[in-house]
N, C-alpha and C. Protein backbone atom coordinates (compact mmCIF):
# COMPACT_ATOMS: atom_id res chain seq x y z
N MET A 1 -17.68 -11.86 -2.08
CA MET A 1 -17.37 -10.53 -1.61
C MET A 1 -16.55 -10.62 -0.32
N TYR A 2 -15.67 -9.66 -0.15
CA TYR A 2 -14.81 -9.61 1.03
C TYR A 2 -15.32 -8.53 1.99
N ARG A 3 -15.21 -8.80 3.29
CA ARG A 3 -15.61 -7.83 4.31
C ARG A 3 -14.58 -6.72 4.47
N LYS A 4 -13.28 -7.08 4.42
CA LYS A 4 -12.21 -6.10 4.62
C LYS A 4 -11.16 -6.26 3.53
N VAL A 5 -10.95 -5.18 2.78
CA VAL A 5 -10.01 -5.19 1.67
C VAL A 5 -8.95 -4.11 1.93
N LEU A 6 -7.70 -4.52 1.79
CA LEU A 6 -6.58 -3.60 1.97
C LEU A 6 -5.99 -3.25 0.61
N VAL A 7 -5.78 -1.97 0.37
CA VAL A 7 -5.19 -1.51 -0.88
C VAL A 7 -3.89 -0.76 -0.56
N PRO A 8 -2.74 -1.44 -0.63
CA PRO A 8 -1.47 -0.74 -0.43
C PRO A 8 -1.25 0.23 -1.59
N MET A 9 -0.84 1.44 -1.27
CA MET A 9 -0.72 2.46 -2.29
C MET A 9 0.67 3.08 -2.29
N ALA A 10 1.36 2.94 -3.41
CA ALA A 10 2.61 3.66 -3.62
C ALA A 10 2.22 5.00 -4.22
N LEU A 11 2.54 6.06 -3.56
CA LEU A 11 2.06 7.38 -3.98
C LEU A 11 2.67 7.88 -5.27
N ASP A 12 3.77 7.26 -5.70
CA ASP A 12 4.42 7.71 -6.92
C ASP A 12 4.03 6.87 -8.14
N HIS A 13 3.13 5.92 -7.97
CA HIS A 13 2.66 5.09 -9.09
C HIS A 13 1.25 5.50 -9.47
N GLY A 14 0.91 5.33 -10.72
CA GLY A 14 -0.40 5.74 -11.21
C GLY A 14 -1.47 4.66 -11.16
N LEU A 15 -1.28 3.62 -10.38
CA LEU A 15 -2.23 2.51 -10.35
C LEU A 15 -3.31 2.67 -9.29
N SER A 16 -3.22 3.67 -8.46
CA SER A 16 -4.12 3.79 -7.31
C SER A 16 -5.59 3.78 -7.68
N SER A 17 -5.98 4.54 -8.68
CA SER A 17 -7.41 4.59 -9.03
C SER A 17 -7.89 3.23 -9.52
N GLN A 18 -7.05 2.51 -10.21
CA GLN A 18 -7.43 1.18 -10.71
C GLN A 18 -7.55 0.16 -9.59
N THR A 19 -6.58 0.15 -8.66
CA THR A 19 -6.63 -0.81 -7.56
C THR A 19 -7.78 -0.49 -6.61
N LEU A 20 -8.07 0.79 -6.41
CA LEU A 20 -9.21 1.16 -5.57
C LEU A 20 -10.53 0.73 -6.20
N ALA A 21 -10.66 0.86 -7.51
CA ALA A 21 -11.88 0.43 -8.20
C ALA A 21 -12.06 -1.08 -8.08
N ILE A 22 -10.98 -1.82 -8.19
CA ILE A 22 -11.04 -3.28 -8.03
C ILE A 22 -11.47 -3.61 -6.61
N ALA A 23 -10.90 -2.92 -5.63
CA ALA A 23 -11.26 -3.15 -4.23
C ALA A 23 -12.73 -2.87 -3.98
N GLN A 24 -13.24 -1.81 -4.58
CA GLN A 24 -14.66 -1.48 -4.42
C GLN A 24 -15.55 -2.59 -4.99
N ALA A 25 -15.15 -3.16 -6.11
CA ALA A 25 -15.92 -4.25 -6.71
C ALA A 25 -15.85 -5.51 -5.83
N LEU A 26 -14.69 -5.78 -5.25
CA LEU A 26 -14.52 -6.97 -4.42
C LEU A 26 -15.17 -6.84 -3.06
N ALA A 27 -15.28 -5.62 -2.55
CA ALA A 27 -15.86 -5.40 -1.23
C ALA A 27 -17.38 -5.34 -1.27
N GLY A 28 -17.93 -4.97 -2.39
CA GLY A 28 -19.38 -4.85 -2.47
C GLY A 28 -19.89 -3.72 -1.59
N ASP A 29 -21.18 -3.74 -1.31
CA ASP A 29 -21.81 -2.65 -0.57
C ASP A 29 -21.41 -2.59 0.90
N GLY A 30 -21.28 -3.72 1.56
CA GLY A 30 -21.03 -3.71 2.99
C GLY A 30 -19.58 -3.84 3.39
N GLY A 31 -18.67 -3.91 2.43
CA GLY A 31 -17.27 -4.13 2.73
C GLY A 31 -16.53 -2.88 3.15
N GLU A 32 -15.46 -3.08 3.89
CA GLU A 32 -14.60 -1.98 4.33
C GLU A 32 -13.33 -1.99 3.48
N ILE A 33 -12.93 -0.82 3.01
CA ILE A 33 -11.71 -0.68 2.21
C ILE A 33 -10.75 0.23 2.94
N ILE A 34 -9.52 -0.24 3.10
CA ILE A 34 -8.47 0.55 3.73
C ILE A 34 -7.38 0.82 2.71
N ALA A 35 -7.12 2.09 2.46
CA ALA A 35 -6.01 2.49 1.58
C ALA A 35 -4.80 2.72 2.48
N LEU A 36 -3.76 1.93 2.30
CA LEU A 36 -2.59 1.98 3.17
C LEU A 36 -1.36 2.43 2.39
N HIS A 37 -0.71 3.46 2.94
CA HIS A 37 0.60 3.84 2.41
C HIS A 37 1.63 3.57 3.48
N VAL A 38 2.69 2.88 3.11
CA VAL A 38 3.78 2.63 4.05
C VAL A 38 4.88 3.64 3.75
N TYR A 39 5.15 4.46 4.74
CA TYR A 39 6.17 5.50 4.61
C TYR A 39 7.50 4.91 5.08
N GLU A 40 8.43 4.79 4.16
CA GLU A 40 9.74 4.25 4.51
C GLU A 40 10.67 5.42 4.82
N ALA A 41 10.97 5.56 6.10
CA ALA A 41 11.90 6.61 6.52
C ALA A 41 13.30 6.24 6.05
N PRO A 42 14.14 7.22 5.83
CA PRO A 42 15.52 6.93 5.43
C PRO A 42 16.20 5.98 6.42
N GLN A 43 16.99 5.06 5.91
CA GLN A 43 17.60 4.04 6.74
C GLN A 43 19.09 4.29 6.96
N GLY A 44 19.60 3.61 7.95
CA GLY A 44 21.04 3.56 8.19
C GLY A 44 21.69 4.91 8.43
N SER A 45 22.86 5.06 7.85
CA SER A 45 23.67 6.25 8.09
C SER A 45 23.05 7.51 7.48
N VAL A 46 22.11 7.36 6.57
CA VAL A 46 21.47 8.52 5.96
C VAL A 46 20.76 9.36 7.02
N THR A 47 20.17 8.71 8.01
CA THR A 47 19.43 9.44 9.04
C THR A 47 20.32 10.38 9.84
N ALA A 48 21.61 10.08 9.92
CA ALA A 48 22.52 10.95 10.65
C ALA A 48 22.67 12.31 9.98
N TYR A 49 22.39 12.39 8.68
CA TYR A 49 22.55 13.62 7.92
C TYR A 49 21.25 14.38 7.72
N LEU A 50 20.15 13.81 8.19
CA LEU A 50 18.86 14.46 8.00
C LEU A 50 18.34 15.04 9.30
N ASP A 51 17.81 16.23 9.19
CA ASP A 51 17.18 16.88 10.33
C ASP A 51 15.83 16.20 10.58
N ALA A 52 15.44 16.05 11.83
CA ALA A 52 14.17 15.41 12.19
C ALA A 52 12.99 16.15 11.55
N ASP A 53 13.12 17.46 11.40
CA ASP A 53 12.05 18.24 10.77
C ASP A 53 11.87 17.86 9.30
N VAL A 54 12.96 17.53 8.63
CA VAL A 54 12.90 17.12 7.22
C VAL A 54 12.14 15.80 7.10
N VAL A 55 12.43 14.87 7.98
CA VAL A 55 11.74 13.57 7.97
C VAL A 55 10.26 13.76 8.28
N ALA A 56 9.96 14.60 9.27
CA ALA A 56 8.57 14.87 9.64
C ALA A 56 7.82 15.53 8.48
N GLU A 57 8.48 16.44 7.78
CA GLU A 57 7.86 17.10 6.63
C GLU A 57 7.57 16.09 5.52
N GLY A 58 8.49 15.17 5.28
CA GLY A 58 8.26 14.13 4.29
C GLY A 58 7.06 13.27 4.63
N PHE A 59 6.91 12.94 5.90
CA PHE A 59 5.76 12.15 6.35
C PHE A 59 4.47 12.95 6.14
N SER A 60 4.48 14.23 6.48
CA SER A 60 3.30 15.09 6.30
C SER A 60 2.91 15.21 4.83
N GLN A 61 3.92 15.33 3.97
CA GLN A 61 3.64 15.40 2.53
C GLN A 61 3.03 14.10 2.01
N ALA A 62 3.54 12.97 2.50
CA ALA A 62 2.99 11.68 2.09
C ALA A 62 1.53 11.55 2.55
N LYS A 63 1.25 12.00 3.75
CA LYS A 63 -0.12 11.96 4.28
C LYS A 63 -1.06 12.81 3.41
N ALA A 64 -0.58 13.98 3.00
CA ALA A 64 -1.38 14.86 2.14
C ALA A 64 -1.59 14.23 0.76
N GLN A 65 -0.57 13.60 0.20
CA GLN A 65 -0.71 12.94 -1.10
C GLN A 65 -1.71 11.79 -1.03
N LEU A 66 -1.69 11.04 0.05
CA LEU A 66 -2.65 9.95 0.22
C LEU A 66 -4.07 10.50 0.27
N ALA A 67 -4.28 11.55 1.04
CA ALA A 67 -5.60 12.17 1.12
C ALA A 67 -6.05 12.69 -0.24
N GLU A 68 -5.12 13.25 -1.01
CA GLU A 68 -5.44 13.76 -2.34
C GLU A 68 -5.88 12.64 -3.28
N LYS A 69 -5.21 11.49 -3.19
CA LYS A 69 -5.57 10.35 -4.05
C LYS A 69 -6.96 9.81 -3.73
N LEU A 70 -7.43 10.06 -2.51
CA LEU A 70 -8.74 9.56 -2.09
C LEU A 70 -9.85 10.60 -2.21
N THR A 71 -9.50 11.80 -2.69
CA THR A 71 -10.48 12.86 -2.85
C THR A 71 -11.62 12.40 -3.76
N GLY A 72 -12.84 12.60 -3.29
CA GLY A 72 -14.02 12.24 -4.08
C GLY A 72 -14.45 10.79 -3.95
N LEU A 73 -13.69 10.00 -3.21
CA LEU A 73 -14.05 8.60 -3.01
C LEU A 73 -14.60 8.44 -1.59
N SER A 74 -15.78 7.87 -1.49
CA SER A 74 -16.36 7.70 -0.17
C SER A 74 -16.20 6.26 0.30
N GLY A 75 -16.20 6.10 1.60
CA GLY A 75 -16.15 4.76 2.19
C GLY A 75 -14.78 4.12 2.20
N ILE A 76 -13.72 4.91 2.00
CA ILE A 76 -12.37 4.36 2.01
C ILE A 76 -11.60 5.02 3.15
N LYS A 77 -11.07 4.19 4.03
CA LYS A 77 -10.31 4.67 5.18
C LYS A 77 -8.84 4.79 4.78
N ALA A 78 -8.24 5.93 5.08
CA ALA A 78 -6.83 6.16 4.77
C ALA A 78 -5.96 5.85 5.98
N GLU A 79 -4.89 5.09 5.76
CA GLU A 79 -3.93 4.77 6.81
C GLU A 79 -2.53 5.03 6.26
N ILE A 80 -1.67 5.61 7.09
CA ILE A 80 -0.27 5.76 6.72
C ILE A 80 0.55 5.30 7.92
N ILE A 81 1.51 4.42 7.65
CA ILE A 81 2.31 3.81 8.70
C ILE A 81 3.77 3.86 8.29
N LYS A 82 4.63 4.10 9.25
CA LYS A 82 6.07 4.05 9.00
C LYS A 82 6.53 2.61 9.11
N GLY A 83 7.38 2.19 8.16
CA GLY A 83 7.90 0.83 8.22
C GLY A 83 8.52 0.40 6.92
N HIS A 84 8.83 -0.89 6.83
CA HIS A 84 9.36 -1.50 5.61
C HIS A 84 8.16 -1.97 4.80
N THR A 85 8.09 -1.62 3.54
CA THR A 85 6.88 -1.76 2.75
C THR A 85 6.22 -3.13 2.83
N TYR A 86 6.84 -4.17 2.28
CA TYR A 86 6.13 -5.44 2.18
C TYR A 86 5.86 -6.03 3.56
N ARG A 87 6.78 -5.91 4.48
CA ARG A 87 6.60 -6.48 5.82
C ARG A 87 5.46 -5.78 6.56
N THR A 88 5.37 -4.47 6.41
CA THR A 88 4.31 -3.70 7.07
C THR A 88 2.95 -4.05 6.49
N ILE A 89 2.87 -4.23 5.18
CA ILE A 89 1.61 -4.62 4.54
C ILE A 89 1.14 -5.96 5.10
N ILE A 90 2.02 -6.92 5.17
CA ILE A 90 1.68 -8.26 5.66
C ILE A 90 1.28 -8.21 7.13
N ASP A 91 2.05 -7.50 7.93
CA ASP A 91 1.74 -7.38 9.36
C ASP A 91 0.40 -6.69 9.58
N TYR A 92 0.12 -5.64 8.82
CA TYR A 92 -1.14 -4.92 8.94
C TYR A 92 -2.31 -5.84 8.59
N ALA A 93 -2.16 -6.58 7.51
CA ALA A 93 -3.23 -7.50 7.09
C ALA A 93 -3.54 -8.53 8.18
N GLY A 94 -2.50 -9.09 8.77
CA GLY A 94 -2.70 -10.08 9.82
C GLY A 94 -3.31 -9.50 11.08
N ALA A 95 -2.89 -8.31 11.45
CA ALA A 95 -3.37 -7.68 12.69
C ALA A 95 -4.78 -7.12 12.58
N HIS A 96 -5.26 -6.86 11.36
CA HIS A 96 -6.57 -6.22 11.18
C HIS A 96 -7.59 -7.11 10.47
N ASP A 97 -7.35 -8.40 10.45
CA ASP A 97 -8.30 -9.36 9.86
C ASP A 97 -8.68 -9.03 8.42
N ILE A 98 -7.70 -8.63 7.64
CA ILE A 98 -7.93 -8.32 6.22
C ILE A 98 -8.20 -9.64 5.49
N GLU A 99 -9.20 -9.64 4.63
CA GLU A 99 -9.56 -10.84 3.87
C GLU A 99 -8.96 -10.85 2.48
N CYS A 100 -8.66 -9.67 1.92
CA CYS A 100 -8.10 -9.59 0.57
C CYS A 100 -7.23 -8.34 0.47
N ILE A 101 -6.09 -8.49 -0.18
CA ILE A 101 -5.21 -7.37 -0.49
C ILE A 101 -5.26 -7.15 -2.00
N VAL A 102 -5.50 -5.92 -2.41
CA VAL A 102 -5.47 -5.56 -3.83
C VAL A 102 -4.25 -4.69 -4.03
N ILE A 103 -3.28 -5.20 -4.76
CA ILE A 103 -2.01 -4.50 -4.92
C ILE A 103 -1.66 -4.35 -6.40
N GLY A 104 -1.13 -3.21 -6.75
CA GLY A 104 -0.70 -2.97 -8.12
C GLY A 104 0.72 -3.44 -8.32
N SER A 105 1.05 -3.78 -9.55
CA SER A 105 2.40 -4.23 -9.88
C SER A 105 2.77 -3.76 -11.27
N HIS A 106 4.02 -3.40 -11.42
CA HIS A 106 4.54 -3.06 -12.74
C HIS A 106 5.00 -4.36 -13.41
N LYS A 107 5.30 -4.30 -14.68
CA LYS A 107 5.84 -5.48 -15.36
C LYS A 107 7.22 -5.76 -14.80
N PRO A 108 7.49 -7.00 -14.42
CA PRO A 108 8.77 -7.29 -13.76
C PRO A 108 9.95 -7.20 -14.72
N GLY A 109 11.04 -6.74 -14.17
CA GLY A 109 12.30 -6.72 -14.89
C GLY A 109 13.22 -7.77 -14.28
N LEU A 110 14.42 -7.86 -14.78
CA LEU A 110 15.36 -8.86 -14.29
C LEU A 110 15.62 -8.70 -12.80
N SER A 111 15.75 -7.47 -12.32
CA SER A 111 16.03 -7.28 -10.89
C SER A 111 14.88 -7.78 -10.02
N ASP A 112 13.63 -7.72 -10.53
CA ASP A 112 12.50 -8.22 -9.76
C ASP A 112 12.57 -9.73 -9.59
N TYR A 113 13.08 -10.42 -10.59
CA TYR A 113 13.20 -11.86 -10.48
C TYR A 113 14.29 -12.24 -9.48
N LEU A 114 15.32 -11.41 -9.39
CA LEU A 114 16.41 -11.71 -8.47
C LEU A 114 16.11 -11.25 -7.04
N LEU A 115 15.48 -10.07 -6.90
CA LEU A 115 15.24 -9.50 -5.58
C LEU A 115 13.81 -9.67 -5.10
N GLY A 116 12.88 -9.70 -6.00
CA GLY A 116 11.47 -9.80 -5.65
C GLY A 116 10.87 -8.43 -5.45
N SER A 117 9.81 -8.14 -6.16
CA SER A 117 9.13 -6.86 -6.01
C SER A 117 8.24 -6.90 -4.77
N THR A 118 7.75 -5.76 -4.37
CA THR A 118 6.86 -5.70 -3.21
C THR A 118 5.64 -6.58 -3.44
N ALA A 119 5.03 -6.50 -4.61
CA ALA A 119 3.84 -7.31 -4.89
C ALA A 119 4.16 -8.80 -4.80
N ALA A 120 5.29 -9.22 -5.33
CA ALA A 120 5.66 -10.64 -5.29
C ALA A 120 5.85 -11.10 -3.85
N ARG A 121 6.47 -10.28 -3.04
CA ARG A 121 6.67 -10.64 -1.63
C ARG A 121 5.35 -10.70 -0.87
N VAL A 122 4.46 -9.77 -1.16
CA VAL A 122 3.14 -9.79 -0.51
C VAL A 122 2.40 -11.06 -0.91
N VAL A 123 2.43 -11.43 -2.17
CA VAL A 123 1.76 -12.65 -2.63
C VAL A 123 2.32 -13.87 -1.89
N ARG A 124 3.63 -13.94 -1.74
CA ARG A 124 4.25 -15.10 -1.09
C ARG A 124 3.94 -15.19 0.39
N HIS A 125 3.79 -14.07 1.09
CA HIS A 125 3.72 -14.09 2.54
C HIS A 125 2.40 -13.64 3.15
N ALA A 126 1.47 -13.18 2.35
CA ALA A 126 0.22 -12.63 2.90
C ALA A 126 -0.62 -13.71 3.59
N PRO A 127 -1.31 -13.33 4.66
CA PRO A 127 -2.15 -14.27 5.40
C PRO A 127 -3.58 -14.35 4.83
N CYS A 128 -3.77 -13.81 3.63
CA CYS A 128 -5.12 -13.75 3.05
C CYS A 128 -5.00 -13.81 1.52
N ALA A 129 -6.14 -13.69 0.86
CA ALA A 129 -6.16 -13.65 -0.60
C ALA A 129 -5.49 -12.37 -1.09
N VAL A 130 -4.83 -12.45 -2.24
CA VAL A 130 -4.19 -11.27 -2.84
C VAL A 130 -4.60 -11.18 -4.30
N HIS A 131 -5.04 -10.01 -4.69
CA HIS A 131 -5.38 -9.73 -6.08
C HIS A 131 -4.31 -8.77 -6.60
N VAL A 132 -3.57 -9.18 -7.62
CA VAL A 132 -2.52 -8.34 -8.19
C VAL A 132 -3.03 -7.74 -9.50
N HIS A 133 -2.99 -6.42 -9.56
CA HIS A 133 -3.34 -5.72 -10.79
C HIS A 133 -2.06 -5.30 -11.48
N ARG A 134 -1.83 -5.87 -12.65
CA ARG A 134 -0.61 -5.55 -13.40
C ARG A 134 -0.94 -4.43 -14.38
N SER A 135 -0.10 -3.40 -14.39
CA SER A 135 -0.31 -2.31 -15.33
C SER A 135 -0.01 -2.80 -16.74
N SER A 136 -0.66 -2.16 -17.71
CA SER A 136 -0.46 -2.60 -19.09
C SER A 136 0.65 -1.84 -19.76
């Protein structure tokens, strides 16, 4: 059993309930589970065309979606952080003494082999154990 389990959550994927259930099994009764969503703000020149209120509204909507995904689940701490997805997951795990990351993954396509998906990058660089749940 792990004391601290991190569950990175992409709010637009349907794997959240499955990865959270896996985390609950791995954490056992005394374990802490953190559901983390990394909010990627628009990058580069795109930000010049967006009003700050639009970006803030997007962040607020993401926070509400994360809370909605955790409705009815007890003992899970919700975190939302702005940053680059895989790098933020790895940095968070290292800074918070995470023992296991439970991350969902889709079936890889050709672009994933060339670029690397978020799950693949987390597996390669994580400072702890990683459990990958592949959707069927």
